[in-house]
Amino acid sequence: MLFESKGNASWSVGFKTHYKLIKYYEDNSEYLFDMDQDPQELNNIAESNKQILEELNRDIDSYFETHDIQLHTLNTDYDATRIRVEIILK
């Protein structure tokens, strides 16, 4: 299991046998690949493999819970332009 968080981007990767799930938390997108058939990760098979997708999501959730990993939450009130203006004006 791999989890990464950089800036506003958080994602995790889970593996089960020859399947790989990449999950992006900002937009809840999920990309599932069969690494035996598609090692270059060109064909997202998430829609056609719901059972594997659900199993890998459960594995990721369980790993996060077991290791007390918490995702950061996006501050929807944050306005970078307002912050920059305030800094410039001071």
Protein backbone atom coordinates (compact mmCIF):
# COMPACT_ATOMS: atom_id res chain seq x y z
CA MET A 1 0.00 0.00 0.00
CA LEU A 2 1.27 3.46 -0.84
CA PHE A 3 -0.14 6.80 0.22
CA GLU A 4 1.11 10.17 -0.94
CA SER A 5 0.07 13.69 -0.12
CA LYS A 6 1.66 16.72 -1.76
CA GLY A 7 0.12 20.14 -1.50
CA ASN A 8 -3.54 19.74 -2.31
CA ALA A 9 -3.10 16.35 -4.00
CA SER A 10 -3.65 13.10 -2.12
CA TRP A 11 -3.65 9.68 -3.67
CA SER A 12 -3.10 6.08 -2.75
CA VAL A 13 -2.14 2.95 -4.62
CA GLY A 14 -3.24 -0.56 -3.74
CA PHE A 15 -2.20 -3.88 -5.24
CA LYS A 16 -3.95 -7.24 -5.29
CA THR A 17 -2.43 -10.09 -7.30
CA HIS A 18 -1.86 -8.50 -10.72
CA TYR A 19 -4.28 -5.58 -10.24
CA LYS A 20 -3.27 -2.04 -9.34
CA LEU A 21 -5.66 0.66 -8.10
CA ILE A 22 -4.72 4.33 -8.12
CA LYS A 23 -7.18 6.44 -6.15
CA TYR A 24 -7.22 10.26 -6.20
CA TYR A 25 -9.08 11.82 -3.29
CA GLU A 26 -9.70 15.36 -4.57
CA ASP A 27 -12.02 14.23 -7.35
CA ASN A 28 -12.68 10.63 -6.18
CA SER A 29 -11.32 9.25 -9.43
CA GLU A 30 -10.15 5.65 -9.52
CA TYR A 31 -7.95 3.91 -12.06
CA LEU A 32 -7.72 0.12 -12.05
CA PHE A 33 -5.17 -1.69 -14.19
CA ASP A 34 -4.40 -5.33 -14.93
CA MET A 35 -0.62 -5.21 -14.75
CA ASP A 36 -0.21 -8.56 -16.55
CA GLN A 37 -2.27 -7.45 -19.54
CA ASP A 38 -1.55 -3.70 -19.41
CA PRO A 39 1.84 -2.97 -17.75
CA GLN A 40 1.89 0.54 -19.25
CA GLU A 41 -1.40 1.40 -17.51
CA LEU A 42 -3.21 2.53 -20.63
CA ASN A 43 -6.65 0.97 -20.04
CA ASN A 44 -8.64 1.87 -16.95
CA ILE A 45 -10.73 -1.23 -16.24
CA ALA A 46 -12.47 0.08 -13.10
CA GLU A 47 -15.95 0.18 -14.65
CA SER A 48 -15.80 -3.41 -15.84
CA ASN A 49 -14.23 -4.88 -12.69
CA LYS A 50 -16.36 -3.58 -9.82
CA GLN A 51 -15.63 -6.54 -7.51
CA ILE A 52 -11.83 -6.09 -7.69
CA LEU A 53 -12.30 -2.33 -7.32
CA GLU A 54 -14.40 -2.79 -4.17
CA GLU A 55 -11.90 -5.27 -2.70
CA LEU A 56 -8.97 -2.93 -3.25
CA ASN A 57 -10.92 0.01 -1.82
CA ARG A 58 -11.69 -2.07 1.28
CA ASP A 59 -8.01 -2.98 1.56
CA ILE A 60 -6.98 0.68 1.34
CA ASP A 61 -9.62 1.74 3.90
CA SER A 62 -8.55 -1.04 6.25
CA TYR A 63 -4.88 -0.10 5.91
CA PHE A 64 -5.65 3.55 6.65
CA GLU A 65 -7.70 2.60 9.70
CA THR A 66 -5.11 0.13 11.02
CA HIS A 67 -2.27 2.66 10.65
CA ASP A 68 -4.34 5.69 11.76
CA ILE A 69 -3.78 7.53 8.48
CA GLN A 70 -6.00 10.55 8.02
CA LEU A 71 -6.42 12.46 4.80
CA HIS A 72 -6.26 16.21 4.86
CA THR A 73 -9.50 17.94 4.02
CA LEU A 74 -9.75 20.61 1.38
CA ASN A 75 -10.54 24.07 2.75
CA THR A 76 -13.20 25.29 0.33
CA ASP A 77 -13.06 28.78 1.88
CA TYR A 78 -9.39 29.23 0.97
CA ASP A 79 -8.83 32.00 -1.57
CA ALA A 80 -5.18 32.33 -2.60
CA THR A 81 -5.81 35.64 -4.40
CA ARG A 82 -7.18 37.20 -1.21
CA ILE A 83 -4.17 36.10 0.82
CA ARG A 84 -1.75 37.49 -1.73
CA VAL A 85 -3.57 40.82 -1.87
CA GLU A 86 -3.45 41.14 1.91
CA ILE A 87 0.27 40.42 1.95
CA ILE A 88 0.98 42.96 -0.77
CA LEU A 89 -1.08 45.66 0.96
CA LYS A 90 0.64 45.30 4.33
